[in-house]
Amino acid sequence: MKQLSDCPVCGQHSFSELFPSSYYETAVQAAEYFLTDRRRAVHGRIVRCDGCGFIFTSPQFTAEEYEQIYRDVASVENPPGRSHAVSARYNRLAGQVRKFIGTGRFFDFGCGGGEFLDCMAEFQGIGLEFRSLDFHAQKAKDDRIIASSLSAALKASLVEHGSFEFVTAWDVVEHLPDLADDIAILRSLLKPGGWFFCTVPNVASLAARMSGEQWNCYLLEHLWYFSPNTLTKYFERQGFVGALYAHFYFPLILRHWQAG
């Protein structure tokens, strides 16, 4: 595991423990506590930056350990059906995107089985899912979906710099062990003035504040717990210009960013 020495939002080095870890095993067993078929909800050690107040997990598994965990999850988790609730949520997200974008190519980072791509059929969309192709059987037949890590997809020219009008990342950013590197790549994929849309759990929400350690988004697979304030600061540090944010279903922040 790795200890974080710098706050990703402000760069300071002093953190205070908010909640001790409720997970006591190793990365080998972690797949049993990830995502929808988890044995029970647990989380890593959660700290708060003494400077800006950003909340995150430290220590964290390494990026290689997370990659293996997600492969292990993909090998045992049943492919979820396209439920009415899932369809309705993606349709609402598609409606939000259409307020800013009328046409063009887009990249859906962490696209699952392609549900959001289906909702945006009038656009030229491709997606990347970093779990195994076996996670969704239909992916093997869907040429819109890349099964790869982001850096590997870029290296193999499966995606190219400056080639998309917008990028989406629904409930993905909070999972990224290589956060700064991945956000830098996603920004590089955008054309000048392109848009980045994301949702993340809102640690400043009423639900989070009332639930304390029992908040349902304090999970082993979640590494970063943004508030509107820390999300704004982080993405501005990465070179984006913030446009707006809105509260969405669940305690999430829907954020729209434009490349600076």
Protein backbone atom coordinates (compact mmCIF):
# COMPACT_ATOMS: atom_id res chain seq x y z
CA MET A 1 0.00 0.00 0.00
CA LYS A 2 1.09 3.59 -0.44
CA GLN A 3 0.82 6.53 1.93
CA LEU A 4 -0.08 9.84 0.34
CA SER A 5 2.32 12.63 1.24
CA ASP A 6 0.65 15.52 -0.64
CA CYS A 7 -2.96 16.67 -0.76
CA PRO A 8 -4.10 16.38 -4.41
CA VAL A 9 -6.14 19.58 -4.10
CA CYS A 10 -3.79 22.03 -2.36
CA GLY A 11 -0.44 20.22 -2.10
CA GLN A 12 -0.14 20.50 1.68
CA HIS A 13 1.36 17.65 3.70
CA SER A 14 -0.59 17.67 6.97
CA PHE A 15 -3.63 15.38 7.35
CA SER A 16 -5.87 14.39 10.26
CA GLU A 17 -7.60 11.05 10.55
CA LEU A 18 -11.33 11.36 10.07
CA PHE A 19 -12.22 7.65 10.34
CA PRO A 20 -9.96 4.63 10.93
CA SER A 21 -10.00 1.85 8.38
CA SER A 22 -12.80 -0.70 8.70
CA TYR A 23 -11.00 -3.10 6.34
CA TYR A 24 -8.29 -5.32 7.83
CA GLU A 25 -7.35 -7.71 5.02
CA THR A 26 -5.08 -7.37 2.01
CA ALA A 27 -5.59 -6.50 -1.65
CA VAL A 28 -5.98 -10.21 -2.40
CA GLN A 29 -9.33 -10.36 -0.57
CA ALA A 30 -10.52 -6.88 -1.53
CA ALA A 31 -12.64 -7.88 -4.55
CA GLU A 32 -15.17 -9.39 -2.13
CA TYR A 33 -15.79 -5.89 -0.71
CA PHE A 34 -16.02 -3.96 -3.99
CA LEU A 35 -19.00 -2.78 -6.02
CA THR A 36 -22.50 -4.23 -6.15
CA ASP A 37 -21.91 -7.77 -4.91
CA ARG A 38 -19.80 -6.74 -1.92
CA ARG A 39 -19.81 -8.96 1.16
CA ARG A 40 -20.35 -5.86 3.30
CA ALA A 41 -19.57 -2.15 3.15
CA VAL A 42 -16.09 -1.27 4.42
CA HIS A 43 -13.66 1.57 3.78
CA GLY A 44 -9.99 2.38 4.08
CA ARG A 45 -8.49 4.90 6.47
CA ILE A 46 -10.08 8.26 5.68
CA VAL A 47 -8.21 11.50 6.32
CA ARG A 48 -8.87 15.22 5.94
CA CYS A 49 -6.32 17.73 4.68
CA ASP A 50 -5.55 20.25 7.41
CA GLY A 51 -5.15 22.94 4.76
CA CYS A 52 -8.11 22.78 2.35
CA GLY A 53 -10.31 20.19 4.04
CA PHE A 54 -10.18 17.67 1.17
CA ILE A 55 -11.17 14.19 2.34
CA PHE A 56 -9.53 11.08 0.87
CA THR A 57 -8.29 7.57 1.60
CA SER A 58 -4.72 7.07 2.79
CA PRO A 59 -2.99 4.68 2.63
CA GLN A 60 -4.24 3.28 -0.66
CA PHE A 61 -3.57 0.11 -2.58
CA THR A 62 -1.18 0.61 -5.49
CA ALA A 63 -2.53 1.18 -8.99
CA GLU A 64 -1.43 -2.34 -9.93
CA GLU A 65 -3.32 -3.80 -6.97
CA TYR A 66 -6.47 -1.89 -7.93
CA GLU A 67 -6.18 -3.14 -11.50
CA GLN A 68 -6.07 -6.73 -10.25
CA ILE A 69 -8.96 -6.14 -7.82
CA TYR A 70 -11.20 -4.84 -10.59
CA ARG A 71 -10.26 -7.81 -12.79
CA ASP A 72 -11.18 -10.12 -9.91
CA VAL A 73 -14.50 -8.32 -9.45
CA ALA A 74 -15.23 -8.59 -13.16
CA SER A 75 -14.65 -12.35 -13.13
CA VAL A 76 -17.30 -13.05 -10.49
CA GLU A 77 -19.85 -10.25 -10.66
CA ASN A 78 -23.02 -10.94 -12.60
CA PRO A 79 -23.61 -8.52 -15.47
CA PRO A 80 -26.28 -6.09 -14.29
CA GLY A 81 -29.43 -5.71 -16.36
CA ARG A 82 -30.44 -2.45 -17.92
CA SER A 83 -32.97 -1.58 -15.24
CA HIS A 84 -35.52 1.20 -15.58
CA ALA A 85 -33.73 3.18 -12.85
CA VAL A 86 -30.39 2.94 -14.64
CA SER A 87 -31.93 3.91 -17.96
CA ALA A 88 -33.75 6.86 -16.41
CA ARG A 89 -30.58 8.11 -14.74
CA TYR A 90 -28.51 7.97 -17.91
CA ASN A 91 -31.29 9.65 -19.85
CA ARG A 92 -31.29 12.49 -17.32
CA LEU A 93 -27.51 12.79 -17.60
CA ALA A 94 -27.82 12.83 -21.38
CA GLY A 95 -30.32 15.66 -21.07
CA GLN A 96 -27.85 17.66 -18.99
CA VAL A 97 -25.08 17.14 -21.57
CA ARG A 98 -27.32 18.22 -24.44
CA LYS A 99 -27.76 21.61 -22.76
CA PHE A 100 -24.12 22.30 -23.61
CA ILE A 101 -23.35 20.12 -26.64
CA GLY A 102 -25.34 19.70 -29.84
CA THR A 103 -23.18 17.38 -31.92
CA GLY A 104 -19.75 15.80 -32.23
CA ARG A 105 -17.56 13.00 -30.92
CA PHE A 106 -17.37 12.08 -27.26
CA PHE A 107 -15.52 9.67 -24.99
CA ASP A 108 -17.28 7.92 -22.09
CA PHE A 109 -14.62 6.99 -19.54
CA GLY A 110 -15.69 4.01 -17.43
CA CYS A 111 -18.59 3.20 -19.73
CA GLY A 112 -19.69 -0.14 -18.24
CA GLY A 113 -21.85 -1.95 -20.79
CA GLY A 114 -22.38 1.12 -22.95
CA GLU A 115 -25.65 2.34 -21.41
CA PHE A 116 -24.78 6.02 -21.72
CA LEU A 117 -23.51 5.51 -25.27
CA ASP A 118 -26.95 4.12 -26.09
CA CYS A 119 -28.61 7.22 -24.63
CA MET A 120 -26.47 9.45 -26.86
CA ALA A 121 -26.99 7.54 -30.07
CA GLU A 122 -27.17 10.72 -32.18
CA PHE A 123 -23.57 11.53 -31.19
CA GLN A 124 -20.38 9.74 -32.23
CA GLY A 125 -19.49 8.07 -28.95
CA ILE A 126 -16.87 5.56 -27.89
CA GLY A 127 -16.29 4.29 -24.39
CA LEU A 128 -13.57 2.72 -22.29
CA GLU A 129 -14.18 0.15 -19.58
CA PHE A 130 -11.12 -0.85 -17.60
CA ARG A 131 -12.57 -4.12 -16.38
CA SER A 132 -12.39 -7.35 -18.39
CA LEU A 133 -14.43 -7.82 -21.54
CA ASP A 134 -16.06 -10.76 -19.76
CA PHE A 135 -17.73 -8.35 -17.33
CA HIS A 136 -20.36 -7.67 -19.97
CA ALA A 137 -20.72 -10.34 -22.63
CA GLN A 138 -22.15 -7.83 -25.08
CA LYS A 139 -18.95 -5.82 -25.02
CA ALA A 140 -17.19 -8.45 -27.10
CA LYS A 141 -19.64 -7.58 -29.89
CA ASP A 142 -19.65 -3.81 -29.39
CA ASP A 143 -16.99 -1.98 -31.37
CA ARG A 144 -17.81 1.27 -29.55
CA ILE A 145 -16.18 -0.03 -26.34
CA ILE A 146 -12.47 -0.27 -25.59
CA ALA A 147 -11.38 -2.69 -22.84
CA SER A 148 -8.15 -1.17 -21.61
CA SER A 149 -6.54 1.17 -19.17
CA LEU A 150 -6.62 4.81 -20.22
CA SER A 151 -2.87 5.13 -20.62
CA ALA A 152 -2.67 1.89 -22.64
CA ALA A 153 -5.50 3.02 -24.92
CA LEU A 154 -3.67 6.28 -25.60
CA LYS A 155 -0.37 4.52 -26.21
CA ALA A 156 -2.05 2.15 -28.68
CA SER A 157 -3.71 5.10 -30.48
CA LEU A 158 -7.18 3.77 -29.63
CA VAL A 159 -7.89 7.33 -28.50
CA GLU A 160 -6.03 10.44 -29.66
CA HIS A 161 -5.18 13.85 -28.26
CA GLY A 162 -7.57 16.66 -29.18
CA SER A 163 -10.14 14.38 -30.84
CA PHE A 164 -13.32 14.79 -28.76
CA GLU A 165 -15.82 17.60 -28.24
CA PHE A 166 -16.55 16.27 -24.78
CA VAL A 167 -15.62 13.58 -22.26
CA THR A 168 -17.93 12.01 -19.67
CA ALA A 169 -17.00 10.20 -16.45
CA TRP A 170 -20.06 9.08 -14.49
CA ASP A 171 -19.19 7.92 -10.96
CA VAL A 172 -15.60 7.21 -12.00
CA VAL A 173 -13.31 9.98 -10.70
CA GLU A 174 -13.59 8.84 -7.08
CA HIS A 175 -12.17 5.41 -8.07
CA LEU A 176 -8.94 6.53 -9.79
CA PRO A 177 -5.66 5.64 -8.04
CA ASP A 178 -3.70 7.60 -10.68
CA LEU A 179 -6.04 10.57 -10.41
CA ALA A 180 -3.80 13.37 -11.67
CA ASP A 181 -2.39 11.31 -14.55
CA ASP A 182 -5.82 10.13 -15.72
CA ILE A 183 -7.38 13.60 -15.53
CA ALA A 184 -4.43 15.02 -17.48
CA ILE A 185 -4.96 12.40 -20.21
CA LEU A 186 -8.71 13.05 -20.33
CA ARG A 187 -8.09 16.77 -20.67
CA SER A 188 -5.63 16.11 -23.48
CA LEU A 189 -8.29 14.17 -25.42
CA LEU A 190 -10.49 17.25 -25.64
CA LYS A 191 -10.47 19.68 -28.51
CA PRO A 192 -9.77 23.31 -27.51
CA GLY A 193 -12.79 24.53 -25.57
CA GLY A 194 -14.08 20.98 -25.13
CA TRP A 195 -16.18 19.91 -22.14
CA PHE A 196 -15.63 17.45 -19.33
CA PHE A 197 -18.71 16.15 -17.49
CA CYS A 198 -18.51 14.10 -14.31
CA THR A 199 -20.48 12.96 -11.29
CA VAL A 200 -18.93 12.19 -7.91
CA PRO A 201 -20.32 11.54 -4.43
CA ASN A 202 -20.77 14.81 -2.50
CA VAL A 203 -19.11 14.55 0.89
CA ALA A 204 -20.66 17.90 1.86
CA SER A 205 -24.21 16.66 1.21
CA LEU A 206 -26.78 16.58 3.99
CA ALA A 207 -26.81 12.77 3.79
CA ALA A 208 -23.04 12.59 4.30
CA ARG A 209 -23.02 15.07 7.16
CA MET A 210 -25.89 13.37 8.98
CA SER A 211 -24.60 9.82 8.45
CA GLY A 212 -21.00 10.34 9.54
CA GLU A 213 -18.94 7.19 9.09
CA GLN A 214 -22.10 5.30 8.09
CA TRP A 215 -22.50 7.34 4.87
CA ASN A 216 -23.15 4.85 2.09
CA CYS A 217 -20.43 6.33 -0.13
CA TYR A 218 -17.58 5.65 2.30
CA LEU A 219 -16.49 2.50 0.47
CA LEU A 220 -13.29 0.56 -0.08
CA GLU A 221 -13.27 1.34 -3.82
CA HIS A 222 -13.71 5.09 -3.25
CA LEU A 223 -10.44 6.98 -2.84
CA TRP A 224 -11.47 10.65 -3.15
CA TYR A 225 -14.38 12.38 -1.40
CA PHE A 226 -15.05 15.71 -3.08
CA SER A 227 -17.24 18.59 -2.00
CA PRO A 228 -18.25 21.29 -4.51
CA ASN A 229 -15.45 23.46 -3.12
CA THR A 230 -12.65 20.88 -3.31
CA LEU A 231 -13.84 19.61 -6.70
CA THR A 232 -13.67 23.15 -8.08
CA LYS A 233 -10.19 23.72 -6.65
CA TYR A 234 -8.90 20.40 -7.93
CA PHE A 235 -10.07 20.77 -11.50
CA GLU A 236 -8.92 24.37 -11.70
CA ARG A 237 -5.50 23.13 -10.60
CA GLN A 238 -5.64 20.69 -13.52
CA GLY A 239 -6.24 23.51 -16.00
CA PHE A 240 -10.02 23.40 -16.37
CA VAL A 241 -12.38 26.34 -16.13
CA GLY A 242 -15.43 25.48 -14.00
CA ALA A 243 -18.82 26.07 -15.60
CA LEU A 244 -21.41 24.91 -13.07
CA TYR A 245 -22.43 22.09 -10.79
CA ALA A 246 -25.79 20.70 -9.76
CA HIS A 247 -27.05 18.16 -7.26
CA PHE A 248 -28.29 14.99 -8.87
CA TYR A 249 -29.95 11.73 -7.84
CA PHE A 250 -28.11 10.21 -4.89
CA PRO A 251 -25.62 12.41 -2.95
CA LEU A 252 -23.71 13.29 -6.10
CA ILE A 253 -22.21 16.37 -7.66
CA LEU A 254 -22.84 16.75 -11.39
CA ARG A 255 -20.03 18.98 -12.63
CA HIS A 256 -19.44 20.47 -16.05
CA TRP A 257 -15.94 21.69 -16.92
CA GLN A 258 -14.45 23.36 -19.93
CA ALA A 259 -10.85 22.97 -20.97
CA GLY A 260 -8.96 26.17 -20.36
